[in-house]
Amino acid sequence: MAEKKSRGPKKNATSALAGNSPASQPSPGNAPANGMMRTPLFQAMHAERYQRQFLIKNIQGITNRKLVCYVAGTAALINRDDTLGFVDLLHNIPKGSDLDFLLHTPGGDMDAAEKLITMIRTRVGNGRLRVIVPDFAKSAGTLIAIGADVIAMSDCSELGPIDPQITLNDAHSNSIPHSIQSYLDAYAAHSQALKQDPTDQAARIMLEKLDPGTIKLFEAARERARTFAESQLKRHSPTYTKVAAALLDTHKWLSHGQMIGHEDATSIGLNVEYHDPQSPDWHPVWQLYALQRMAVRDDVKLFESDVVSVQFESGAASSRSRGD
């Protein structure tokens, strides 16, 4: 997927990405450097991985930069176990290189997200990092995405609000996520009401249900998200405080899962590179993502490049396929 400022894709690379010609299929006879050939059964068992990695190589041929991918199922949240997969992804990336990072995640641990984007930025150094969001990078995924120099998006791409969440049980013991900001807003509203009318019993009762220690904890979590976002944005955005505030604005984004598409992302000041879904530079990226998403269950994460393909079950580092 070529950046808008770069020259158009090479004709031979584009034809290979079409996926219909013989050139677009991996050669079954390709032998490793040691001269030993893969067995037919081994090739059959890993055919889908070969197809995805062949696409990655073709995309790299067009962009002239490395591409690494992190694709997670809907129940596979970002956590510290992801460090293992990211170390593998970055192992063969020369320091200071330009890098494309395809990201698909429902979100997860904010502290783990900070570690992962720090690892990527350290390897990229003075190079240019582009995060490609084919589908969605929500919550902590958005915090990773905004650490890029540019975010590549199309019509079905979405980021999300970064206001921290807390999971509480309802009366039926169902785990329900709640916005920390909603509790802070309620505390502020009831405090103001009681200040204006000390006899307001409703405000007093509600304030008694909100523990001051918990409020302090929630305020710290909100501040953590704000400073994290600002630290990522200030590398390339002179209005980084305004952009971070917009991503935290629960009055603008009424639910944590609300879509922030490419137009909204651009309007709040993010550096977005839009790609038409039918364009020849976006099609191979979507084709790759579709294959990767079909390869992972809801509780699985895929770490993939042209030389690495590792799958982790959520919460457990259980590698599945890699190497030749």
C-alpha atoms as a PDB file:
ATOM      1  CA  MET A   1       0.000   0.000   0.000  1.00  0.00           C
ATOM      2  CA  ALA A   2       1.889   2.971  -1.292  1.00  0.00           C
ATOM      3  CA  GLU A   3       1.734   6.240   0.616  1.00  0.00           C
ATOM      4  CA  LYS A   4       0.095   9.127  -1.184  1.00  0.00           C
ATOM      5  CA  LYS A   5       3.394  10.939  -1.724  1.00  0.00           C
ATOM      6  CA  SER A   6       5.232   7.947  -3.140  1.00  0.00           C
ATOM      7  CA  ARG A   7       5.288   6.815  -6.744  1.00  0.00           C
ATOM      8  CA  GLY A   8       2.679   4.380  -7.987  1.00  0.00           C
ATOM      9  CA  PRO A   9       3.034   0.621  -7.596  1.00  0.00           C
ATOM     10  CA  LYS A  10       5.201  -1.349  -9.944  1.00  0.00           C
ATOM     11  CA  LYS A  11       3.201  -3.120 -12.613  1.00  0.00           C
ATOM     12  CA  ASN A  12       4.655  -6.559 -11.949  1.00  0.00           C
ATOM     13  CA  ALA A  13       3.987  -6.247  -8.188  1.00  0.00           C
ATOM     14  CA  THR A  14       0.422  -5.102  -8.773  1.00  0.00           C
ATOM     15  CA  SER A  15      -0.379  -8.049 -11.027  1.00  0.00           C
ATOM     16  CA  ALA A  16       0.922 -10.451  -8.405  1.00  0.00           C
ATOM     17  CA  LEU A  17      -1.415  -8.881  -5.847  1.00  0.00           C
ATOM     18  CA  ALA A  18      -4.453  -9.550  -7.974  1.00  0.00           C
ATOM     19  CA  GLY A  19      -4.474 -13.078  -6.596  1.00  0.00           C
ATOM     20  CA  ASN A  20      -5.698 -14.737  -9.832  1.00  0.00           C
ATOM     21  CA  SER A  21      -2.516 -15.312 -11.770  1.00  0.00           C
ATOM     22  CA  PRO A  22      -0.081 -18.214 -11.290  1.00  0.00           C
ATOM     23  CA  ALA A  23       2.507 -15.676 -10.134  1.00  0.00           C
ATOM     24  CA  SER A  24       0.323 -14.861  -7.144  1.00  0.00           C
ATOM     25  CA  GLN A  25       0.595 -18.376  -5.714  1.00  0.00           C
ATOM     26  CA  PRO A  26       3.586 -19.680  -3.709  1.00  0.00           C
ATOM     27  CA  SER A  27       5.772 -22.094  -5.598  1.00  0.00           C
ATOM     28  CA  PRO A  28       5.439 -25.539  -3.990  1.00  0.00           C
ATOM     29  CA  GLY A  29       8.958 -26.460  -4.975  1.00  0.00           C
ATOM     30  CA  ASN A  30      10.743 -23.602  -3.239  1.00  0.00           C
ATOM     31  CA  ALA A  31      13.514 -25.073  -1.137  1.00  0.00           C
ATOM     32  CA  PRO A  32      15.162 -23.526   1.927  1.00  0.00           C
ATOM     33  CA  ALA A  33      18.793 -22.439   1.803  1.00  0.00           C
ATOM     34  CA  ASN A  34      19.959 -25.830   3.115  1.00  0.00           C
ATOM     35  CA  GLY A  35      18.650 -27.500  -0.063  1.00  0.00           C
ATOM     36  CA  MET A  36      15.985 -29.562   1.695  1.00  0.00           C
ATOM     37  CA  MET A  37      12.504 -29.342   0.202  1.00  0.00           C
ATOM     38  CA  ARG A  38       9.287 -29.079   2.171  1.00  0.00           C
ATOM     39  CA  THR A  39       7.258 -32.252   2.083  1.00  0.00           C
ATOM     40  CA  PRO A  40       3.860 -32.193   0.334  1.00  0.00           C
ATOM     41  CA  LEU A  41       2.003 -32.807   3.603  1.00  0.00           C
ATOM     42  CA  PHE A  42       3.881 -30.012   5.392  1.00  0.00           C
ATOM     43  CA  GLN A  43       3.100 -27.626   2.539  1.00  0.00           C
ATOM     44  CA  ALA A  44      -0.573 -28.590   2.618  1.00  0.00           C
ATOM     45  CA  MET A  45      -0.760 -28.055   6.377  1.00  0.00           C
ATOM     46  CA  HIS A  46       0.799 -24.590   6.099  1.00  0.00           C
ATOM     47  CA  ALA A  47      -0.668 -23.514   2.741  1.00  0.00           C
ATOM     48  CA  GLU A  48      -2.808 -20.735   4.222  1.00  0.00           C
ATOM     49  CA  ARG A  49       0.181 -19.245   6.037  1.00  0.00           C
ATOM     50  CA  TYR A  50       2.267 -19.394   2.847  1.00  0.00           C
ATOM     51  CA  GLN A  51      -0.492 -17.551   0.999  1.00  0.00           C
ATOM     52  CA  ARG A  52      -0.630 -14.765   3.607  1.00  0.00           C
ATOM     53  CA  GLN A  53       3.149 -14.389   3.762  1.00  0.00           C
ATOM     54  CA  PHE A  54       3.350 -14.314  -0.016  1.00  0.00           C
ATOM     55  CA  LEU A  55       0.886 -11.403   0.036  1.00  0.00           C
ATOM     56  CA  ILE A  56       2.989  -9.647   2.676  1.00  0.00           C
ATOM     57  CA  LYS A  57       6.065  -9.960   0.450  1.00  0.00           C
ATOM     58  CA  ASN A  58       4.150  -8.546  -2.515  1.00  0.00           C
ATOM     59  CA  ILE A  59       2.890  -5.580  -0.488  1.00  0.00           C
ATOM     60  CA  GLN A  60       6.437  -4.919   0.691  1.00  0.00           C
ATOM     61  CA  GLY A  61       7.548  -4.969  -2.937  1.00  0.00           C
ATOM     62  CA  ILE A  62       5.104  -2.157  -3.684  1.00  0.00           C
ATOM     63  CA  THR A  63       5.805  -0.002  -0.611  1.00  0.00           C
ATOM     64  CA  ASN A  64       9.561  -0.650  -0.327  1.00  0.00           C
ATOM     65  CA  ARG A  65       9.204  -1.070   3.432  1.00  0.00           C
ATOM     66  CA  LYS A  66       8.689  -3.939   5.841  1.00  0.00           C
ATOM     67  CA  LEU A  67       5.176  -4.910   6.945  1.00  0.00           C
ATOM     68  CA  VAL A  68       4.386  -6.545  10.293  1.00  0.00           C
ATOM     69  CA  CYS A  69       0.903  -7.523  11.435  1.00  0.00           C
ATOM     70  CA  TYR A  70      -0.975  -7.961  14.704  1.00  0.00           C
ATOM     71  CA  VAL A  71      -4.480  -9.358  14.225  1.00  0.00           C
ATOM     72  CA  ALA A  72      -6.526 -10.282  17.301  1.00  0.00           C
ATOM     73  CA  GLY A  73      -9.889 -11.960  17.735  1.00  0.00           C
ATOM     74  CA  THR A  74     -12.725 -10.103  19.404  1.00  0.00           C
ATOM     75  CA  ALA A  75     -11.990 -11.700  22.803  1.00  0.00           C
ATOM     76  CA  ALA A  76      -8.187 -11.506  22.571  1.00  0.00           C
ATOM     77  CA  LEU A  77      -7.183  -8.366  24.447  1.00  0.00           C
ATOM     78  CA  ILE A  78      -3.812  -6.625  24.424  1.00  0.00           C
ATOM     79  CA  ASN A  79      -1.722  -7.808  27.373  1.00  0.00           C
ATOM     80  CA  ARG A  80       1.894  -8.211  28.430  1.00  0.00           C
ATOM     81  CA  ASP A  81       2.191 -11.668  26.856  1.00  0.00           C
ATOM     82  CA  ASP A  82       2.131  -9.834  23.506  1.00  0.00           C
ATOM     83  CA  THR A  83       5.717  -8.765  24.177  1.00  0.00           C
ATOM     84  CA  LEU A  84       6.885 -12.212  23.024  1.00  0.00           C
ATOM     85  CA  GLY A  85       5.157 -11.901  19.681  1.00  0.00           C
ATOM     86  CA  PHE A  86       6.311  -8.311  19.132  1.00  0.00           C
ATOM     87  CA  VAL A  87       9.938  -9.235  19.816  1.00  0.00           C
ATOM     88  CA  ASP A  88       9.673 -11.850  17.059  1.00  0.00           C
ATOM     89  CA  LEU A  89       7.982  -9.403  14.674  1.00  0.00           C
ATOM     90  CA  LEU A  90      10.738  -6.822  15.170  1.00  0.00           C
ATOM     91  CA  HIS A  91      13.643  -9.295  15.209  1.00  0.00           C
ATOM     92  CA  ASN A  92      14.522  -8.846  11.513  1.00  0.00           C
ATOM     93  CA  ILE A  93      13.593  -5.158  11.215  1.00  0.00           C
ATOM     94  CA  PRO A  94      16.753  -3.026  10.910  1.00  0.00           C
ATOM     95  CA  LYS A  95      16.911  -0.191  13.418  1.00  0.00           C
ATOM     96  CA  GLY A  96      15.892   3.124  11.874  1.00  0.00           C
ATOM     97  CA  SER A  97      13.782   1.519   9.126  1.00  0.00           C
ATOM     98  CA  ASP A  98      10.483   2.765   7.786  1.00  0.00           C
ATOM     99  CA  LEU A  99       7.786   0.322   8.878  1.00  0.00           C
ATOM    100  CA  ASP A 100       4.158  -0.506   8.157  1.00  0.00           C
ATOM    101  CA  PHE A 101       2.223  -2.020  11.050  1.00  0.00           C
ATOM    102  CA  LEU A 102      -1.154  -3.615  10.303  1.00  0.00           C
ATOM    103  CA  LEU A 103      -3.219  -3.454  13.494  1.00  0.00           C
ATOM    104  CA  HIS A 104      -6.545  -5.064  14.372  1.00  0.00           C
ATOM    105  CA  THR A 105      -7.555  -5.264  18.039  1.00  0.00           C
ATOM    106  CA  PRO A 106     -10.545  -4.713  20.338  1.00  0.00           C
ATOM    107  CA  GLY A 107      -8.228  -3.051  22.883  1.00  0.00           C
ATOM    108  CA  GLY A 108      -6.923  -4.200  26.244  1.00  0.00           C
ATOM    109  CA  ASP A 109      -4.331  -3.263  28.847  1.00  0.00           C
ATOM    110  CA  MET A 110      -3.229   0.373  28.516  1.00  0.00           C
ATOM    111  CA  ASP A 111       0.123  -0.283  30.205  1.00  0.00           C
ATOM    112  CA  ALA A 112       0.859  -3.202  27.861  1.00  0.00           C
ATOM    113  CA  ALA A 113      -0.110  -1.032  24.871  1.00  0.00           C
ATOM    114  CA  GLU A 114       2.410   1.587  25.955  1.00  0.00           C
ATOM    115  CA  LYS A 115       5.151  -1.028  26.107  1.00  0.00           C
ATOM    116  CA  LEU A 116       4.303  -2.379  22.643  1.00  0.00           C
ATOM    117  CA  ILE A 117       4.247   0.993  20.867  1.00  0.00           C
ATOM    118  CA  THR A 118       7.458   1.947  22.676  1.00  0.00           C
ATOM    119  CA  MET A 119       9.111  -1.210  21.331  1.00  0.00           C
ATOM    120  CA  ILE A 120       8.014  -0.370  17.794  1.00  0.00           C
ATOM    121  CA  ARG A 121       9.014   3.304  17.969  1.00  0.00           C
ATOM    122  CA  THR A 122      12.410   2.392  19.421  1.00  0.00           C
ATOM    123  CA  ARG A 123      13.084   0.048  16.505  1.00  0.00           C
ATOM    124  CA  VAL A 124      11.815   2.518  13.909  1.00  0.00           C
ATOM    125  CA  GLY A 125      13.822   5.357  15.460  1.00  0.00           C
ATOM    126  CA  ASN A 126      14.091   8.191  12.946  1.00  0.00           C
ATOM    127  CA  GLY A 127      12.289   6.108  10.345  1.00  0.00           C
ATOM    128  CA  ARG A 128       8.630   6.562   9.450  1.00  0.00           C
ATOM    129  CA  LEU A 129       5.957   4.440  11.138  1.00  0.00           C
ATOM    130  CA  ARG A 130       2.621   3.945   9.441  1.00  0.00           C
ATOM    131  CA  VAL A 131      -0.144   2.073  11.263  1.00  0.00           C
ATOM    132  CA  ILE A 132      -2.663   0.454   8.907  1.00  0.00           C
ATOM    133  CA  VAL A 133      -6.134  -0.095  10.372  1.00  0.00           C
ATOM    134  CA  PRO A 134      -8.105  -2.285   7.936  1.00  0.00           C
ATOM    135  CA  ASP A 135     -11.026  -2.870  10.318  1.00  0.00           C
ATOM    136  CA  PHE A 136     -10.737  -1.569  13.903  1.00  0.00           C
ATOM    137  CA  ALA A 137      -8.185  -0.636  16.549  1.00  0.00           C
ATOM    138  CA  LYS A 138     -10.225   0.262  19.605  1.00  0.00           C
ATOM    139  CA  SER A 139      -9.395   1.720  23.020  1.00  0.00           C
ATOM    140  CA  ALA A 140      -5.796   0.675  23.825  1.00  0.00           C
ATOM    141  CA  GLY A 141      -5.443  -0.138  20.117  1.00  0.00           C
ATOM    142  CA  THR A 142      -6.191   3.508  19.335  1.00  0.00           C
ATOM    143  CA  LEU A 143      -3.497   4.519  21.831  1.00  0.00           C
ATOM    144  CA  ILE A 144      -1.052   2.400  19.823  1.00  0.00           C
ATOM    145  CA  ALA A 145      -2.264   3.757  16.476  1.00  0.00           C
ATOM    146  CA  ILE A 146      -1.834   7.419  17.423  1.00  0.00           C
ATOM    147  CA  GLY A 147       1.834   6.710  18.118  1.00  0.00           C
ATOM    148  CA  ALA A 148       2.359   6.394  14.352  1.00  0.00           C
ATOM    149  CA  ASP A 149       3.486   9.181  12.043  1.00  0.00           C
ATOM    150  CA  VAL A 150       0.410   8.467   9.945  1.00  0.00           C
ATOM    151  CA  ILE A 151      -2.643   6.197  10.243  1.00  0.00           C
ATOM    152  CA  ALA A 152      -3.850   4.547   7.038  1.00  0.00           C
ATOM    153  CA  MET A 153      -7.637   4.099   6.982  1.00  0.00           C
ATOM    154  CA  SER A 154     -10.416   3.276   4.548  1.00  0.00           C
ATOM    155  CA  ASP A 155     -14.216   3.352   4.677  1.00  0.00           C
ATOM    156  CA  CYS A 156     -14.545   0.424   7.092  1.00  0.00           C
ATOM    157  CA  SER A 157     -11.615   1.427   9.316  1.00  0.00           C
ATOM    158  CA  GLU A 158     -12.315   2.689  12.806  1.00  0.00           C
ATOM    159  CA  LEU A 159     -10.553   3.916  15.894  1.00  0.00           C
ATOM    160  CA  GLY A 160     -12.296   4.436  19.234  1.00  0.00           C
ATOM    161  CA  PRO A 161     -12.471   6.648  22.317  1.00  0.00           C
ATOM    162  CA  ILE A 162      -9.650   6.180  24.839  1.00  0.00           C
ATOM    163  CA  ASP A 163     -11.548   6.912  28.061  1.00  0.00           C
ATOM    164  CA  PRO A 164     -10.627   4.177  30.592  1.00  0.00           C
ATOM    165  CA  GLN A 165     -13.197   1.516  31.439  1.00  0.00           C
ATOM    166  CA  ILE A 166     -13.969  -0.510  34.556  1.00  0.00           C
ATOM    167  CA  THR A 167     -15.865  -3.793  34.674  1.00  0.00           C
ATOM    168  CA  LEU A 168     -18.508  -4.169  37.380  1.00  0.00           C
ATOM    169  CA  ASN A 169     -21.082  -6.873  38.078  1.00  0.00           C
ATOM    170  CA  ASP A 170     -24.765  -6.028  37.807  1.00  0.00           C
ATOM    171  CA  ALA A 171     -27.560  -7.411  40.013  1.00  0.00           C
ATOM    172  CA  HIS A 172     -27.469 -10.664  38.031  1.00  0.00           C
ATOM    173  CA  SER A 173     -23.671 -11.071  38.316  1.00  0.00           C
ATOM    174  CA  ASN A 174     -23.139 -10.135  34.680  1.00  0.00           C
ATOM    175  CA  SER A 175     -19.869  -8.325  34.021  1.00  0.00           C
ATOM    176  CA  ILE A 176     -20.648  -4.938  32.486  1.00  0.00           C
ATOM    177  CA  PRO A 177     -17.998  -2.421  31.365  1.00  0.00           C
ATOM    178  CA  HIS A 178     -18.544   1.153  32.532  1.00  0.00           C
ATOM    179  CA  SER A 179     -16.828   4.398  31.662  1.00  0.00           C
ATOM    180  CA  ILE A 180     -14.704   5.796  34.470  1.00  0.00           C
ATOM    181  CA  GLN A 181     -15.559   9.267  33.202  1.00  0.00           C
ATOM    182  CA  SER A 182     -19.267   8.640  33.806  1.00  0.00           C
ATOM    183  CA  TYR A 183     -18.549   8.074  37.501  1.00  0.00           C
ATOM    184  CA  LEU A 184     -16.404  11.185  37.687  1.00  0.00           C
ATOM    185  CA  ASP A 185     -19.136  13.200  35.944  1.00  0.00           C
ATOM    186  CA  ALA A 186     -21.743  11.888  38.396  1.00  0.00           C
ATOM    187  CA  TYR A 187     -19.525  12.735  41.358  1.00  0.00           C
ATOM    188  CA  ALA A 188     -18.991  16.273  40.056  1.00  0.00           C
ATOM    189  CA  ALA A 189     -22.698  16.789  39.344  1.00  0.00           C
ATOM    190  CA  HIS A 190     -23.875  15.585  42.769  1.00  0.00           C
ATOM    191  CA  SER A 191     -21.142  17.547  44.534  1.00  0.00           C
ATOM    192  CA  GLN A 192     -22.194  20.709  42.731  1.00  0.00           C
ATOM    193  CA  ALA A 193     -25.863  20.063  43.510  1.00  0.00           C
ATOM    194  CA  LEU A 194     -25.142  19.592  47.205  1.00  0.00           C
ATOM    195  CA  LYS A 195     -22.970  22.685  47.256  1.00  0.00           C
ATOM    196  CA  GLN A 196     -25.797  24.749  45.805  1.00  0.00           C
ATOM    197  CA  ASP A 197     -28.418  23.161  48.073  1.00  0.00           C
ATOM    198  CA  PRO A 198     -27.111  21.486  51.253  1.00  0.00           C
ATOM    199  CA  THR A 199     -30.597  20.044  51.866  1.00  0.00           C
ATOM    200  CA  ASP A 200     -30.590  18.099  48.585  1.00  0.00           C
ATOM    201  CA  GLN A 201     -31.083  14.580  49.985  1.00  0.00           C
ATOM    202  CA  ALA A 202     -30.873  12.871  46.594  1.00  0.00           C
ATOM    203  CA  ALA A 203     -27.436  14.358  45.927  1.00  0.00           C
ATOM    204  CA  ARG A 204     -26.286  13.433  49.427  1.00  0.00           C
ATOM    205  CA  ILE A 205     -27.437   9.821  49.065  1.00  0.00           C
ATOM    206  CA  MET A 206     -25.732   9.457  45.686  1.00  0.00           C
ATOM    207  CA  LEU A 207     -22.469  10.939  46.985  1.00  0.00           C
ATOM    208  CA  GLU A 208     -22.482   8.477  49.860  1.00  0.00           C
ATOM    209  CA  LYS A 209     -22.474   5.657  47.300  1.00  0.00           C
ATOM    210  CA  LEU A 210     -19.345   7.017  45.588  1.00  0.00           C
ATOM    211  CA  ASP A 211     -16.222   6.138  47.577  1.00  0.00           C
ATOM    212  CA  PRO A 212     -13.683   9.042  47.636  1.00  0.00           C
ATOM    213  CA  GLY A 213     -10.792   6.603  47.324  1.00  0.00           C
ATOM    214  CA  THR A 214     -12.336   5.088  44.217  1.00  0.00           C
ATOM    215  CA  ILE A 215     -12.866   8.550  42.762  1.00  0.00           C
ATOM    216  CA  LYS A 216      -9.155   9.288  43.252  1.00  0.00           C
ATOM    217  CA  LEU A 217      -8.274   6.003  41.548  1.00  0.00           C
ATOM    218  CA  PHE A 218     -10.553   6.845  38.620  1.00  0.00           C
ATOM    219  CA  GLU A 219      -9.041  10.326  38.307  1.00  0.00           C
ATOM    220  CA  ALA A 220      -5.569   8.781  38.161  1.00  0.00           C
ATOM    221  CA  ALA A 221      -6.681   6.352  35.434  1.00  0.00           C
ATOM    222  CA  ARG A 222      -8.124   9.197  33.359  1.00  0.00           C
ATOM    223  CA  GLU A 223      -4.918  11.191  33.770  1.00  0.00           C
ATOM    224  CA  ARG A 224      -2.904   8.132  32.779  1.00  0.00           C
ATOM    225  CA  ALA A 225      -4.822   7.822  29.503  1.00  0.00           C
ATOM    226  CA  ARG A 226      -4.437  11.546  28.793  1.00  0.00           C
ATOM    227  CA  THR A 227      -0.673  11.645  29.389  1.00  0.00           C
ATOM    228  CA  PHE A 228      -0.167   8.435  27.387  1.00  0.00           C
ATOM    229  CA  ALA A 229      -2.068   9.887  24.433  1.00  0.00           C
ATOM    230  CA  GLU A 230      -0.258  13.213  24.604  1.00  0.00           C
ATOM    231  CA  SER A 231       3.153  11.538  24.744  1.00  0.00           C
ATOM    232  CA  GLN A 232       2.364   9.685  21.507  1.00  0.00           C
ATOM    233  CA  LEU A 233       0.792  12.630  19.704  1.00  0.00           C
ATOM    234  CA  LYS A 234       3.325  15.337  20.496  1.00  0.00           C
ATOM    235  CA  ARG A 235       5.911  13.750  18.191  1.00  0.00           C
ATOM    236  CA  HIS A 236       4.013  15.003  15.167  1.00  0.00           C
ATOM    237  CA  SER A 237       1.027  17.094  16.264  1.00  0.00           C
ATOM    238  CA  PRO A 238       1.345  20.688  17.494  1.00  0.00           C
ATOM    239  CA  THR A 239      -2.230  20.396  18.847  1.00  0.00           C
ATOM    240  CA  TYR A 240      -1.587  17.162  20.759  1.00  0.00           C
ATOM    241  CA  THR A 241      -3.389  18.300  23.932  1.00  0.00           C
ATOM    242  CA  LYS A 242      -6.515  19.156  21.936  1.00  0.00           C
ATOM    243  CA  VAL A 243      -6.446  15.837  20.062  1.00  0.00           C
ATOM    244  CA  ALA A 244      -5.986  13.833  23.269  1.00  0.00           C
ATOM    245  CA  ALA A 245      -8.858  15.703  24.905  1.00  0.00           C
ATOM    246  CA  ALA A 246     -11.091  14.966  21.913  1.00  0.00           C
ATOM    247  CA  LEU A 247     -10.353  11.228  22.122  1.00  0.00           C
ATOM    248  CA  LEU A 248     -11.283  11.300  25.828  1.00  0.00           C
ATOM    249  CA  ASP A 249     -14.488  13.307  25.323  1.00  0.00           C
ATOM    250  CA  THR A 250     -17.395  11.139  26.518  1.00  0.00           C
ATOM    251  CA  HIS A 251     -19.851  13.880  25.534  1.00  0.00           C
ATOM    252  CA  LYS A 252     -18.726  13.614  21.909  1.00  0.00           C
ATOM    253  CA  TRP A 253     -18.386   9.810  21.876  1.00  0.00           C
ATOM    254  CA  LEU A 254     -21.417   8.523  23.765  1.00  0.00           C
ATOM    255  CA  SER A 255     -20.218   4.928  24.038  1.00  0.00           C
ATOM    256  CA  HIS A 256     -16.755   3.415  24.368  1.00  0.00           C
ATOM    257  CA  GLY A 257     -17.351   1.322  21.269  1.00  0.00           C
ATOM    258  CA  GLN A 258     -18.451   4.254  19.103  1.00  0.00           C
ATOM    259  CA  MET A 259     -16.827   4.368  15.698  1.00  0.00           C
ATOM    260  CA  ILE A 260     -14.258   7.049  14.958  1.00  0.00           C
ATOM    261  CA  GLY A 261     -13.945   6.739  11.202  1.00  0.00           C
ATOM    262  CA  HIS A 262     -11.390   8.378   8.952  1.00  0.00           C
ATOM    263  CA  GLU A 263     -13.386  11.606   8.616  1.00  0.00           C
ATOM    264  CA  ASP A 264     -13.888  12.040  12.366  1.00  0.00           C
ATOM    265  CA  ALA A 265     -10.270  11.086  13.008  1.00  0.00           C
ATOM    266  CA  THR A 266      -9.112  13.739  10.556  1.00  0.00           C
ATOM    267  CA  SER A 267     -11.483  16.348  11.968  1.00  0.00           C
ATOM    268  CA  ILE A 268     -10.097  16.035  15.512  1.00  0.00           C
ATOM    269  CA  GLY A 269      -6.535  16.472  14.237  1.00  0.00           C
ATOM    270  CA  LEU A 270      -5.150  12.976  13.683  1.00  0.00           C
ATOM    271  CA  ASN A 271      -2.815  12.492  10.711  1.00  0.00           C
ATOM    272  CA  VAL A 272      -4.895  10.151   8.558  1.00  0.00           C
ATOM    273  CA  GLU A 273      -4.052   8.774   5.133  1.00  0.00           C
ATOM    274  CA  TYR A 274      -7.300   7.815   3.407  1.00  0.00           C
ATOM    275  CA  HIS A 275      -7.470   4.969   0.872  1.00  0.00           C
ATOM    276  CA  ASP A 276     -10.473   4.220  -1.306  1.00  0.00           C
ATOM    277  CA  PRO A 277     -11.567   0.609  -0.661  1.00  0.00           C
ATOM    278  CA  GLN A 278     -11.498  -0.136  -4.392  1.00  0.00           C
ATOM    279  CA  SER A 279      -8.052   1.324  -4.959  1.00  0.00           C
ATOM    280  CA  PRO A 280      -5.251  -1.034  -6.044  1.00  0.00           C
ATOM    281  CA  ASP A 281      -3.108  -0.051  -3.065  1.00  0.00           C
ATOM    282  CA  TRP A 282      -5.816  -0.905  -0.470  1.00  0.00           C
ATOM    283  CA  HIS A 283      -7.172  -4.100  -2.047  1.00  0.00           C
ATOM    284  CA  PRO A 284      -4.126  -6.312  -1.280  1.00  0.00           C
ATOM    285  CA  VAL A 285      -4.092  -5.033   2.309  1.00  0.00           C
ATOM    286  CA  TRP A 286      -7.756  -5.925   2.756  1.00  0.00           C
ATOM    287  CA  GLN A 287      -7.187  -9.298   1.093  1.00  0.00           C
ATOM    288  CA  LEU A 288      -4.355 -10.003   3.532  1.00  0.00           C
ATOM    289  CA  TYR A 289      -6.411  -8.893   6.542  1.00  0.00           C
ATOM    290  CA  ALA A 290      -9.384 -11.028   5.475  1.00  0.00           C
ATOM    291  CA  LEU A 291      -7.155 -14.103   5.282  1.00  0.00           C
ATOM    292  CA  GLN A 292      -5.584 -13.319   8.641  1.00  0.00           C
ATOM    293  CA  ARG A 293      -8.905 -12.672  10.368  1.00  0.00           C
ATOM    294  CA  MET A 294     -10.270 -15.992   9.079  1.00  0.00           C
ATOM    295  CA  ALA A 295      -7.195 -17.715  10.509  1.00  0.00           C
ATOM    296  CA  VAL A 296      -7.800 -16.662  14.130  1.00  0.00           C
ATOM    297  CA  ARG A 297     -10.529 -17.627  16.553  1.00  0.00           C
ATOM    298  CA  ASP A 298     -12.072 -15.009  18.802  1.00  0.00           C
ATOM    299  CA  ASP A 299      -9.588 -15.816  21.593  1.00  0.00           C
ATOM    300  CA  VAL A 300      -6.468 -15.937  19.403  1.00  0.00           C
ATOM    301  CA  LYS A 301      -3.908 -13.341  18.289  1.00  0.00           C
ATOM    302  CA  LEU A 302      -1.793 -13.605  15.159  1.00  0.00           C
ATOM    303  CA  PHE A 303       1.671 -12.038  14.900  1.00  0.00           C
ATOM    304  CA  GLU A 304       2.788 -12.205  11.279  1.00  0.00           C
ATOM    305  CA  SER A 305       5.404 -10.907   8.850  1.00  0.00           C
ATOM    306  CA  ASP A 306       7.079 -12.331   5.773  1.00  0.00           C
ATOM    307  CA  VAL A 307       9.283 -14.528   8.000  1.00  0.00           C
ATOM    308  CA  VAL A 308       7.253 -14.886  11.222  1.00  0.00           C
ATOM    309  CA  SER A 309       3.837 -16.402  11.871  1.00  0.00           C
ATOM    310  CA  VAL A 310       2.936 -17.013  15.511  1.00  0.00           C
ATOM    311  CA  GLN A 311      -0.463 -17.465  17.123  1.00  0.00           C
ATOM    312  CA  PHE A 312      -1.135 -16.935  20.838  1.00  0.00           C
ATOM    313  CA  GLU A 313      -4.247 -17.892  22.681  1.00  0.00           C
ATOM    314  CA  SER A 314      -5.451 -14.942  24.724  1.00  0.00           C
ATOM    315  CA  GLY A 315      -3.682 -14.921  28.076  1.00  0.00           C
ATOM    316  CA  ALA A 316      -1.287 -17.710  27.109  1.00  0.00           C
ATOM    317  CA  ALA A 317       1.804 -17.685  24.921  1.00  0.00           C
ATOM    318  CA  SER A 318       1.052 -20.779  22.839  1.00  0.00           C
ATOM    319  CA  SER A 319       2.850 -20.564  19.491  1.00  0.00           C
ATOM    320  CA  ARG A 320       1.298 -22.462  16.621  1.00  0.00           C
ATOM    321  CA  SER A 321       3.144 -22.076  13.344  1.00  0.00           C
ATOM    322  CA  ARG A 322       6.365 -20.428  12.310  1.00  0.00           C
ATOM    323  CA  GLY A 323       9.482 -20.951  10.269  1.00  0.00           C
ATOM    324  CA  ASP A 324       9.567 -22.702   6.906  1.00  0.00           C
END
